[in-house]
Amino acid sequence: MSLTMSLPSDTAPYSVLHEQPPPCFLWIYHLDTTADAHHTEELQTMTDHTETSSALTSTLDSQVTEWREAQQTINTLQAKLNRLHGETSRRHSTLLALLAVTQLVLAVLVLAILIAR
């Protein structure tokens, strides 16, 4: 049994088992291969974009890691600074108290000297 079909460009029936396809099939084949080439280009572009995206993601991940490490260092330094500020504040208060006591002692000595004359 032979499969046949009529093509608008051909008046004779075409056998599917025929070795040479008529020109319209060549045109469809050309469109198909052109589409394949276009899809190949699109796939290559998508692959390139994926590789670029992966590289950017990797870079971003490493920058986020560095930022987190820097933030941890900042937090540690801030805690040390707060502790030092607390110690300094206590020492300052102690020095002010000592100064007040010293001034009081000096005032008493000056008064004692003035009374002794």
C-alpha atoms as a PDB file:
ATOM      1  CA  MET A   1       0.000   0.000   0.000  1.00  0.00           C
ATOM      2  CA  SER A   2       1.315   3.413  -0.926  1.00  0.00           C
ATOM      3  CA  LEU A   3       0.451   6.563   0.991  1.00  0.00           C
ATOM      4  CA  THR A   4      -0.254   9.492  -1.275  1.00  0.00           C
ATOM      5  CA  MET A   5      -1.135  13.129  -0.824  1.00  0.00           C
ATOM      6  CA  SER A   6      -1.662  16.045  -3.151  1.00  0.00           C
ATOM      7  CA  LEU A   7       0.396  19.174  -2.777  1.00  0.00           C
ATOM      8  CA  PRO A   8      -0.776  22.541  -4.063  1.00  0.00           C
ATOM      9  CA  SER A   9       2.464  23.042  -6.007  1.00  0.00           C
ATOM     10  CA  ASP A  10       2.397  19.580  -7.528  1.00  0.00           C
ATOM     11  CA  THR A  11      -0.318  18.146  -9.747  1.00  0.00           C
ATOM     12  CA  ALA A  12       0.853  14.546  -9.409  1.00  0.00           C
ATOM     13  CA  PRO A  13       0.346  12.569  -6.226  1.00  0.00           C
ATOM     14  CA  TYR A  14       3.442  12.249  -3.998  1.00  0.00           C
ATOM     15  CA  SER A  15       4.569   8.977  -2.508  1.00  0.00           C
ATOM     16  CA  VAL A  16       5.716   9.276   1.117  1.00  0.00           C
ATOM     17  CA  LEU A  17       8.288   6.617   0.376  1.00  0.00           C
ATOM     18  CA  HIS A  18       9.716   8.714  -2.482  1.00  0.00           C
ATOM     19  CA  GLU A  19      13.399   9.589  -2.037  1.00  0.00           C
ATOM     20  CA  GLN A  20      13.300  13.298  -2.885  1.00  0.00           C
ATOM     21  CA  PRO A  21      10.661  15.408  -1.146  1.00  0.00           C
ATOM     22  CA  PRO A  22       8.954  18.127  -3.159  1.00  0.00           C
ATOM     23  CA  PRO A  23      10.105  21.799  -2.753  1.00  0.00           C
ATOM     24  CA  CYS A  24       7.463  22.700  -0.175  1.00  0.00           C
ATOM     25  CA  PHE A  25       8.884  20.056   2.195  1.00  0.00           C
ATOM     26  CA  LEU A  26      12.345  21.528   1.711  1.00  0.00           C
ATOM     27  CA  TRP A  27      10.937  24.931   2.634  1.00  0.00           C
ATOM     28  CA  ILE A  28       9.314  23.473   5.784  1.00  0.00           C
ATOM     29  CA  TYR A  29      12.595  21.702   6.577  1.00  0.00           C
ATOM     30  CA  HIS A  30      14.441  25.006   6.147  1.00  0.00           C
ATOM     31  CA  LEU A  31      12.009  26.717   8.525  1.00  0.00           C
ATOM     32  CA  ASP A  32      12.418  23.876  10.995  1.00  0.00           C
ATOM     33  CA  THR A  33      16.227  24.028  10.917  1.00  0.00           C
ATOM     34  CA  THR A  34      16.110  27.824  11.140  1.00  0.00           C
ATOM     35  CA  ALA A  35      13.857  27.494  14.184  1.00  0.00           C
ATOM     36  CA  ASP A  36      16.242  24.904  15.636  1.00  0.00           C
ATOM     37  CA  ALA A  37      19.170  27.275  15.128  1.00  0.00           C
ATOM     38  CA  HIS A  38      17.178  30.081  16.730  1.00  0.00           C
ATOM     39  CA  HIS A  39      16.269  27.822  19.672  1.00  0.00           C
ATOM     40  CA  THR A  40      19.910  26.794  19.959  1.00  0.00           C
ATOM     41  CA  GLU A  41      20.901  30.466  20.162  1.00  0.00           C
ATOM     42  CA  GLU A  42      18.198  31.071  22.761  1.00  0.00           C
ATOM     43  CA  LEU A  43      19.370  28.069  24.758  1.00  0.00           C
ATOM     44  CA  GLN A  44      22.968  29.312  24.581  1.00  0.00           C
ATOM     45  CA  THR A  45      21.845  32.772  25.706  1.00  0.00           C
ATOM     46  CA  MET A  46      19.863  31.235  28.555  1.00  0.00           C
ATOM     47  CA  THR A  47      22.878  29.104  29.503  1.00  0.00           C
ATOM     48  CA  ASP A  48      25.101  32.194  29.470  1.00  0.00           C
ATOM     49  CA  HIS A  49      22.582  34.067  31.601  1.00  0.00           C
ATOM     50  CA  THR A  50      22.369  31.129  33.999  1.00  0.00           C
ATOM     51  CA  GLU A  51      26.163  31.007  34.315  1.00  0.00           C
ATOM     52  CA  THR A  52      26.284  34.773  34.860  1.00  0.00           C
ATOM     53  CA  SER A  53      23.481  34.525  37.409  1.00  0.00           C
ATOM     54  CA  SER A  54      25.285  31.717  39.215  1.00  0.00           C
ATOM     55  CA  ALA A  55      28.502  33.745  39.309  1.00  0.00           C
ATOM     56  CA  LEU A  56      26.650  36.804  40.595  1.00  0.00           C
ATOM     57  CA  THR A  57      24.845  34.706  43.202  1.00  0.00           C
ATOM     58  CA  SER A  58      28.150  33.260  44.356  1.00  0.00           C
ATOM     59  CA  THR A  59      29.680  36.741  44.560  1.00  0.00           C
ATOM     60  CA  LEU A  60      26.650  38.049  46.413  1.00  0.00           C
ATOM     61  CA  ASP A  61      26.750  35.115  48.842  1.00  0.00           C
ATOM     62  CA  SER A  62      30.407  35.768  49.627  1.00  0.00           C
ATOM     63  CA  GLN A  63      29.714  39.496  50.081  1.00  0.00           C
ATOM     64  CA  VAL A  64      26.801  38.707  52.414  1.00  0.00           C
ATOM     65  CA  THR A  65      29.090  36.409  54.404  1.00  0.00           C
ATOM     66  CA  GLU A  66      31.725  39.159  54.622  1.00  0.00           C
ATOM     67  CA  TRP A  67      29.042  41.667  55.651  1.00  0.00           C
ATOM     68  CA  ARG A  68      27.789  39.335  58.397  1.00  0.00           C
ATOM     69  CA  GLU A  69      31.339  38.848  59.679  1.00  0.00           C
ATOM     70  CA  ALA A  70      31.890  42.609  59.643  1.00  0.00           C
ATOM     71  CA  GLN A  71      28.560  43.145  61.419  1.00  0.00           C
ATOM     72  CA  GLN A  72      29.564  40.612  64.066  1.00  0.00           C
ATOM     73  CA  THR A  73      32.894  42.429  64.532  1.00  0.00           C
ATOM     74  CA  ILE A  74      31.054  45.752  64.835  1.00  0.00           C
ATOM     75  CA  ASN A  75      28.688  44.270  67.421  1.00  0.00           C
ATOM     76  CA  THR A  76      31.640  42.898  69.419  1.00  0.00           C
ATOM     77  CA  LEU A  77      33.434  46.246  69.301  1.00  0.00           C
ATOM     78  CA  GLN A  78      30.230  48.073  70.283  1.00  0.00           C
ATOM     79  CA  ALA A  79      29.837  45.781  73.309  1.00  0.00           C
ATOM     80  CA  LYS A  80      33.464  46.446  74.329  1.00  0.00           C
ATOM     81  CA  LEU A  81      32.965  50.177  73.856  1.00  0.00           C
ATOM     82  CA  ASN A  82      29.826  50.121  76.000  1.00  0.00           C
ATOM     83  CA  ARG A  83      31.680  48.199  78.715  1.00  0.00           C
ATOM     84  CA  LEU A  84      34.603  50.651  78.606  1.00  0.00           C
ATOM     85  CA  HIS A  85      32.180  53.574  78.675  1.00  0.00           C
ATOM     86  CA  GLY A  86      30.557  52.110  81.795  1.00  0.00           C
ATOM     87  CA  GLU A  87      33.938  51.645  83.483  1.00  0.00           C
ATOM     88  CA  THR A  88      35.021  55.146  82.521  1.00  0.00           C
ATOM     89  CA  SER A  89      31.769  56.589  83.810  1.00  0.00           C
ATOM     90  CA  ARG A  90      32.224  54.820  87.181  1.00  0.00           C
ATOM     91  CA  ARG A  91      35.853  55.993  87.420  1.00  0.00           C
ATOM     92  CA  HIS A  92      34.792  59.519  86.544  1.00  0.00           C
ATOM     93  CA  SER A  93      32.184  59.453  89.300  1.00  0.00           C
ATOM     94  CA  THR A  94      34.781  58.135  91.739  1.00  0.00           C
ATOM     95  CA  LEU A  95      37.245  60.873  90.758  1.00  0.00           C
ATOM     96  CA  LEU A  96      34.568  63.553  91.175  1.00  0.00           C
ATOM     97  CA  ALA A  97      33.800  62.204  94.659  1.00  0.00           C
ATOM     98  CA  LEU A  98      37.504  62.221  95.547  1.00  0.00           C
ATOM     99  CA  LEU A  99      37.812  65.779  94.256  1.00  0.00           C
ATOM    100  CA  ALA A 100      34.869  66.873  96.380  1.00  0.00           C
ATOM    101  CA  VAL A 101      36.376  65.239  99.462  1.00  0.00           C
ATOM    102  CA  THR A 102      39.771  66.822  98.695  1.00  0.00           C
ATOM    103  CA  GLN A 103      38.187  70.259  98.348  1.00  0.00           C
ATOM    104  CA  LEU A 104      36.348  69.770 101.626  1.00  0.00           C
ATOM    105  CA  VAL A 105      39.563  68.737 103.389  1.00  0.00           C
ATOM    106  CA  LEU A 106      41.387  71.773 101.936  1.00  0.00           C
ATOM    107  CA  ALA A 107      38.569  74.067 103.036  1.00  0.00           C
ATOM    108  CA  VAL A 108      38.738  72.652 106.553  1.00  0.00           C
ATOM    109  CA  LEU A 109      42.550  73.065 106.614  1.00  0.00           C
ATOM    110  CA  VAL A 110      42.319  76.665 105.376  1.00  0.00           C
ATOM    111  CA  LEU A 111      39.657  77.391 107.969  1.00  0.00           C
ATOM    112  CA  ALA A 112      41.767  75.748 110.699  1.00  0.00           C
ATOM    113  CA  ILE A 113      44.793  77.821 109.681  1.00  0.00           C
ATOM    114  CA  LEU A 114      42.747  81.006 109.718  1.00  0.00           C
ATOM    115  CA  ILE A 115      41.305  80.214 113.132  1.00  0.00           C
ATOM    116  CA  ALA A 116      44.745  79.305 114.523  1.00  0.00           C
ATOM    117  CA  ARG A 117      46.163  82.743 113.730  1.00  0.00           C
END
